[in-house]
């Protein structure tokens, strides 16, 4: 398992996975410095199951806390990096954004 320095953030990804790429692009749009570790699904490391119990990607890790699911990680990033938040703070507008994302994920 690659060591993660305190205070650093990491996304566990897989090349060409659209759900993991969504999180990587979101973090890039926020301007956050994030390390990306690609998981080889043909030879998945045993330690990764401690990060994501189902062994899927993406997973986000920072300060010993791990958040999974591509629809949840962006909200978490907005919460821990509020000065770079992308989602609207207004509850109604945020709900509309979530509805839009749900419709977009059906298409993909």
N, C-alpha and C. Protein backbone atom coordinates (compact mmCIF):
# COMPACT_ATOMS: atom_id res chain seq x y z
N UNK A 1 0.84 -1.18 0.00
CA UNK A 1 0.00 0.00 0.00
C UNK A 1 0.89 1.24 0.00
N UNK A 2 0.67 2.14 -0.94
CA UNK A 2 1.48 3.36 -0.95
C UNK A 2 1.16 4.24 0.25
N UNK A 3 2.19 4.73 0.97
CA UNK A 3 1.93 5.58 2.14
C UNK A 3 1.32 6.92 1.72
N UNK A 4 0.47 7.45 2.58
CA UNK A 4 -0.16 8.74 2.35
C UNK A 4 0.23 9.67 3.48
N UNK A 5 0.91 10.75 3.14
CA UNK A 5 1.38 11.70 4.14
C UNK A 5 0.19 12.40 4.81
N UNK A 6 0.33 12.74 6.09
CA UNK A 6 -0.75 13.45 6.79
C UNK A 6 -1.11 14.75 6.05
N UNK A 7 -2.41 14.99 5.95
CA UNK A 7 -2.89 16.20 5.28
C UNK A 7 -3.02 16.08 3.78
N UNK A 8 -2.44 15.03 3.20
CA UNK A 8 -2.54 14.83 1.75
C UNK A 8 -3.85 14.12 1.42
N UNK A 9 -4.31 14.30 0.20
CA UNK A 9 -5.55 13.67 -0.26
C UNK A 9 -5.25 12.75 -1.43
N UNK A 10 -6.03 11.67 -1.51
CA UNK A 10 -5.80 10.68 -2.56
C UNK A 10 -7.13 10.18 -3.10
N UNK A 11 -7.16 9.94 -4.41
CA UNK A 11 -8.29 9.29 -5.06
C UNK A 11 -7.78 7.97 -5.62
N UNK A 12 -8.46 6.90 -5.24
CA UNK A 12 -8.18 5.59 -5.83
C UNK A 12 -9.07 5.50 -7.07
N UNK A 13 -8.45 5.23 -8.18
CA UNK A 13 -9.13 5.30 -9.46
C UNK A 13 -8.78 4.06 -10.29
N UNK A 14 -9.23 4.07 -11.51
CA UNK A 14 -8.85 3.07 -12.50
C UNK A 14 -8.91 3.77 -13.84
N UNK A 15 -7.90 3.58 -14.64
CA UNK A 15 -7.90 4.23 -15.95
C UNK A 15 -9.14 3.86 -16.73
N UNK A 16 -9.74 4.85 -17.33
CA UNK A 16 -10.90 4.69 -18.20
C UNK A 16 -12.20 4.34 -17.47
N UNK A 17 -12.25 4.50 -16.17
CA UNK A 17 -13.49 4.30 -15.42
C UNK A 17 -14.21 5.64 -15.35
N UNK A 18 -15.40 5.77 -15.97
CA UNK A 18 -16.07 7.08 -15.99
C UNK A 18 -16.47 7.59 -14.62
N UNK A 19 -16.78 6.70 -13.68
CA UNK A 19 -17.19 7.14 -12.34
C UNK A 19 -15.99 7.69 -11.57
N UNK A 20 -14.87 7.01 -11.68
CA UNK A 20 -13.66 7.49 -11.02
C UNK A 20 -13.18 8.78 -11.69
N UNK A 21 -13.29 8.83 -13.00
CA UNK A 21 -12.85 10.03 -13.73
C UNK A 21 -13.70 11.23 -13.34
N UNK A 22 -14.97 11.01 -13.05
CA UNK A 22 -15.84 12.10 -12.61
C UNK A 22 -15.27 12.77 -11.36
N UNK A 23 -14.79 11.97 -10.42
CA UNK A 23 -14.24 12.49 -9.17
C UNK A 23 -12.90 13.18 -9.42
N UNK A 24 -12.06 12.60 -10.26
CA UNK A 24 -10.77 13.21 -10.58
C UNK A 24 -10.99 14.58 -11.24
N UNK A 25 -11.92 14.66 -12.18
CA UNK A 25 -12.20 15.93 -12.86
C UNK A 25 -12.80 16.95 -11.90
N UNK A 26 -13.64 16.51 -11.00
CA UNK A 26 -14.25 17.41 -10.02
C UNK A 26 -13.17 18.02 -9.13
N UNK A 27 -12.26 17.18 -8.65
CA UNK A 27 -11.17 17.67 -7.80
C UNK A 27 -10.29 18.64 -8.58
N UNK A 28 -10.03 18.34 -9.85
CA UNK A 28 -9.22 19.23 -10.68
C UNK A 28 -9.92 20.58 -10.87
N UNK A 29 -11.24 20.54 -11.10
CA UNK A 29 -11.99 21.78 -11.27
C UNK A 29 -11.97 22.62 -9.99
N UNK A 30 -11.89 21.97 -8.85
CA UNK A 30 -11.81 22.68 -7.57
C UNK A 30 -10.40 23.24 -7.33
N UNK A 31 -9.43 22.75 -8.09
CA UNK A 31 -8.06 23.21 -7.90
C UNK A 31 -7.37 22.60 -6.71
N UNK A 32 -7.84 21.43 -6.28
CA UNK A 32 -7.26 20.76 -5.12
C UNK A 32 -6.12 19.87 -5.57
N UNK A 33 -5.05 19.87 -4.78
CA UNK A 33 -3.93 18.98 -5.07
C UNK A 33 -4.27 17.59 -4.53
N UNK A 34 -4.43 16.65 -5.44
CA UNK A 34 -4.82 15.30 -5.06
C UNK A 34 -3.94 14.29 -5.79
N UNK A 35 -3.50 13.32 -5.04
CA UNK A 35 -2.72 12.22 -5.60
C UNK A 35 -3.71 11.17 -6.12
N UNK A 36 -3.44 10.63 -7.31
CA UNK A 36 -4.29 9.59 -7.89
C UNK A 36 -3.51 8.28 -7.91
N UNK A 37 -4.13 7.24 -7.36
CA UNK A 37 -3.55 5.90 -7.40
C UNK A 37 -4.50 5.03 -8.21
N UNK A 38 -4.01 4.54 -9.34
CA UNK A 38 -4.83 3.67 -10.18
C UNK A 38 -4.73 2.24 -9.69
N UNK A 39 -5.88 1.60 -9.56
CA UNK A 39 -5.96 0.22 -9.10
C UNK A 39 -6.05 -0.68 -10.33
N UNK A 40 -5.23 -1.71 -10.37
CA UNK A 40 -5.25 -2.68 -11.45
C UNK A 40 -6.29 -3.75 -11.11
N UNK A 41 -7.39 -3.75 -11.82
CA UNK A 41 -8.47 -4.69 -11.49
C UNK A 41 -8.16 -6.11 -11.94
N UNK A 42 -7.17 -6.28 -12.81
CA UNK A 42 -6.75 -7.63 -13.19
C UNK A 42 -5.94 -8.28 -12.09
N UNK A 43 -5.30 -7.44 -11.28
CA UNK A 43 -4.47 -7.93 -10.18
C UNK A 43 -4.66 -6.99 -8.98
N UNK A 44 -5.88 -6.94 -8.48
CA UNK A 44 -6.25 -5.99 -7.41
C UNK A 44 -5.47 -6.31 -6.13
N UNK A 45 -4.81 -5.30 -5.55
CA UNK A 45 -4.07 -5.54 -4.31
C UNK A 45 -5.01 -5.83 -3.14
N UNK A 46 -4.60 -6.74 -2.29
CA UNK A 46 -5.42 -7.12 -1.12
C UNK A 46 -5.70 -5.93 -0.20
N UNK A 47 -4.73 -5.02 -0.04
CA UNK A 47 -4.90 -3.91 0.88
C UNK A 47 -6.03 -2.98 0.44
N UNK A 48 -6.39 -3.01 -0.86
CA UNK A 48 -7.43 -2.09 -1.32
C UNK A 48 -8.80 -2.42 -0.74
N UNK A 49 -9.04 -3.66 -0.39
CA UNK A 49 -10.33 -4.03 0.21
C UNK A 49 -10.53 -3.36 1.57
N UNK A 50 -9.45 -2.90 2.20
CA UNK A 50 -9.58 -2.11 3.44
C UNK A 50 -10.04 -0.69 3.14
N UNK A 51 -9.83 -0.25 1.92
CA UNK A 51 -10.25 1.09 1.50
C UNK A 51 -11.71 1.09 1.04
N UNK A 52 -12.04 0.10 0.23
CA UNK A 52 -13.39 -0.03 -0.32
C UNK A 52 -13.80 -1.49 -0.19
N UNK A 53 -14.75 -1.79 0.69
CA UNK A 53 -15.10 -3.19 0.97
C UNK A 53 -15.50 -4.01 -0.25
N UNK A 54 -16.04 -3.33 -1.27
CA UNK A 54 -16.42 -4.03 -2.50
C UNK A 54 -15.30 -4.04 -3.53
N UNK A 55 -14.21 -3.34 -3.23
CA UNK A 55 -13.08 -3.31 -4.14
C UNK A 55 -13.30 -2.47 -5.38
N UNK A 56 -14.31 -1.59 -5.36
CA UNK A 56 -14.62 -0.75 -6.52
C UNK A 56 -13.86 0.57 -6.44
N UNK A 57 -13.90 1.34 -7.51
CA UNK A 57 -13.40 2.70 -7.53
C UNK A 57 -14.56 3.60 -7.92
N UNK A 58 -14.54 4.86 -7.54
CA UNK A 58 -13.49 5.56 -6.83
C UNK A 58 -13.64 5.45 -5.31
N UNK A 59 -12.55 5.80 -4.66
CA UNK A 59 -12.54 6.00 -3.22
C UNK A 59 -11.65 7.21 -2.96
N UNK A 60 -12.04 8.02 -2.00
CA UNK A 60 -11.28 9.22 -1.64
C UNK A 60 -10.77 9.03 -0.22
N UNK A 61 -9.50 9.37 0.00
CA UNK A 61 -8.91 9.23 1.34
C UNK A 61 -8.16 10.49 1.73
N UNK A 62 -8.40 10.90 2.96
CA UNK A 62 -7.64 12.02 3.55
C UNK A 62 -7.70 11.89 5.06
N UNK A 63 -6.56 12.02 5.70
CA UNK A 63 -6.46 11.98 7.16
C UNK A 63 -7.13 10.74 7.77
N UNK A 64 -6.95 9.60 7.12
CA UNK A 64 -7.48 8.34 7.63
C UNK A 64 -8.97 8.15 7.39
N UNK A 65 -9.62 9.11 6.75
CA UNK A 65 -11.05 8.99 6.45
C UNK A 65 -11.22 8.63 4.98
N UNK A 66 -12.08 7.66 4.72
CA UNK A 66 -12.31 7.18 3.36
C UNK A 66 -13.78 7.35 3.01
N UNK A 67 -14.02 7.95 1.85
CA UNK A 67 -15.38 8.14 1.34
C UNK A 67 -15.44 7.45 -0.02
N UNK A 68 -16.51 6.69 -0.24
CA UNK A 68 -16.67 5.98 -1.51
C UNK A 68 -17.91 6.50 -2.24
N UNK A 69 -18.03 6.14 -3.49
CA UNK A 69 -19.15 6.46 -4.39
C UNK A 69 -18.94 7.81 -5.09
N UNK A 70 -18.99 7.74 -6.41
CA UNK A 70 -18.74 8.93 -7.22
C UNK A 70 -19.79 10.01 -7.06
N UNK A 71 -20.98 9.67 -6.60
CA UNK A 71 -22.01 10.69 -6.39
C UNK A 71 -21.88 11.36 -5.02
N UNK A 72 -21.17 10.73 -4.10
CA UNK A 72 -21.03 11.25 -2.74
C UNK A 72 -19.72 12.03 -2.57
N UNK A 73 -18.67 11.57 -3.20
CA UNK A 73 -17.34 12.20 -3.02
C UNK A 73 -17.35 13.69 -3.38
N UNK A 74 -17.97 14.13 -4.50
CA UNK A 74 -17.96 15.57 -4.78
C UNK A 74 -18.58 16.42 -3.67
N UNK A 75 -19.68 15.96 -3.07
CA UNK A 75 -20.28 16.70 -1.96
C UNK A 75 -19.33 16.76 -0.77
N UNK A 76 -18.65 15.66 -0.53
CA UNK A 76 -17.68 15.62 0.57
C UNK A 76 -16.53 16.58 0.29
N UNK A 77 -16.04 16.61 -0.94
CA UNK A 77 -14.96 17.54 -1.30
C UNK A 77 -15.41 18.99 -1.09
N UNK A 78 -16.63 19.30 -1.50
CA UNK A 78 -17.15 20.66 -1.28
C UNK A 78 -17.20 21.00 0.21
N UNK A 79 -17.53 20.01 1.03
CA UNK A 79 -17.64 20.25 2.47
C UNK A 79 -16.28 20.45 3.13
N UNK A 80 -15.26 19.69 2.70
CA UNK A 80 -13.96 19.83 3.37
C UNK A 80 -13.06 20.88 2.73
N UNK A 81 -13.42 21.33 1.52
CA UNK A 81 -12.71 22.43 0.86
C UNK A 81 -13.74 23.50 0.49
N UNK A 82 -14.38 24.14 1.48
CA UNK A 82 -15.48 25.07 1.18
C UNK A 82 -15.08 26.28 0.34
N UNK A 83 -13.84 26.70 0.42
CA UNK A 83 -13.44 27.88 -0.37
C UNK A 83 -13.37 27.58 -1.87
N UNK A 84 -13.33 26.30 -2.22
CA UNK A 84 -13.28 25.89 -3.62
C UNK A 84 -14.56 25.18 -4.06
N UNK A 85 -15.59 25.19 -3.23
CA UNK A 85 -16.81 24.43 -3.51
C UNK A 85 -17.40 24.78 -4.87
N UNK A 86 -17.92 23.77 -5.53
CA UNK A 86 -18.54 23.94 -6.85
C UNK A 86 -20.06 23.90 -6.74
N UNK A 87 -20.59 22.97 -5.95
CA UNK A 87 -22.04 22.87 -5.82
C UNK A 87 -22.59 24.10 -5.12
N UNK A 88 -23.80 24.53 -5.50
CA UNK A 88 -24.38 25.71 -4.87
C UNK A 88 -24.68 25.47 -3.39
N UNK A 89 -24.58 26.52 -2.59
CA UNK A 89 -24.89 26.40 -1.17
C UNK A 89 -26.40 26.49 -0.91
N UNK A 90 -27.14 27.10 -1.84
CA UNK A 90 -28.59 27.19 -1.72
C UNK A 90 -29.20 25.78 -1.84
N UNK A 91 -30.00 25.36 -0.85
CA UNK A 91 -30.55 24.00 -0.86
C UNK A 91 -31.36 23.66 -2.11
N UNK A 92 -32.15 24.61 -2.60
CA UNK A 92 -32.96 24.36 -3.79
C UNK A 92 -32.08 24.15 -5.01
N UNK A 93 -31.11 25.03 -5.20
CA UNK A 93 -30.21 24.90 -6.35
C UNK A 93 -29.37 23.63 -6.26
N UNK A 94 -28.98 23.27 -5.05
CA UNK A 94 -28.22 22.03 -4.85
C UNK A 94 -29.09 20.82 -5.23
N UNK A 95 -30.36 20.84 -4.83
CA UNK A 95 -31.27 19.76 -5.19
C UNK A 95 -31.43 19.66 -6.70
N UNK A 96 -31.53 20.80 -7.37
CA UNK A 96 -31.65 20.79 -8.83
C UNK A 96 -30.39 20.20 -9.48
N UNK A 97 -29.23 20.52 -8.93
CA UNK A 97 -27.97 19.95 -9.44
C UNK A 97 -27.96 18.43 -9.27
N UNK A 98 -28.43 17.95 -8.12
CA UNK A 98 -28.47 16.51 -7.88
C UNK A 98 -29.41 15.81 -8.86
N UNK A 99 -30.57 16.44 -9.13
CA UNK A 99 -31.51 15.88 -10.09
C UNK A 99 -30.87 15.81 -11.47
N UNK A 100 -30.18 16.86 -11.86
CA UNK A 100 -29.49 16.87 -13.14
C UNK A 100 -28.45 15.76 -13.22
N UNK A 101 -27.69 15.56 -12.14
CA UNK A 101 -26.67 14.50 -12.11
C UNK A 101 -27.32 13.12 -12.20
N UNK A 102 -28.46 12.94 -11.54
CA UNK A 102 -29.17 11.65 -11.61
C UNK A 102 -29.60 11.38 -13.04
N UNK A 103 -30.14 12.39 -13.71
CA UNK A 103 -30.56 12.19 -15.11
C UNK A 103 -29.36 11.92 -16.01
N UNK A 104 -28.27 12.60 -15.77
CA UNK A 104 -27.07 12.41 -16.59
C UNK A 104 -26.48 11.01 -16.38
N UNK A 105 -26.56 10.49 -15.16
CA UNK A 105 -25.99 9.17 -14.91
C UNK A 105 -26.81 8.05 -15.54
N UNK A 106 -28.08 8.30 -15.79
CA UNK A 106 -28.93 7.32 -16.48
C UNK A 106 -28.47 7.18 -17.92
N UNK A 107 -28.09 8.30 -18.54
CA UNK A 107 -27.66 8.31 -19.93
C UNK A 107 -26.33 7.58 -20.09
N UNK A 108 -25.43 7.75 -19.12
CA UNK A 108 -24.10 7.15 -19.25
C UNK A 108 -24.11 5.74 -18.90
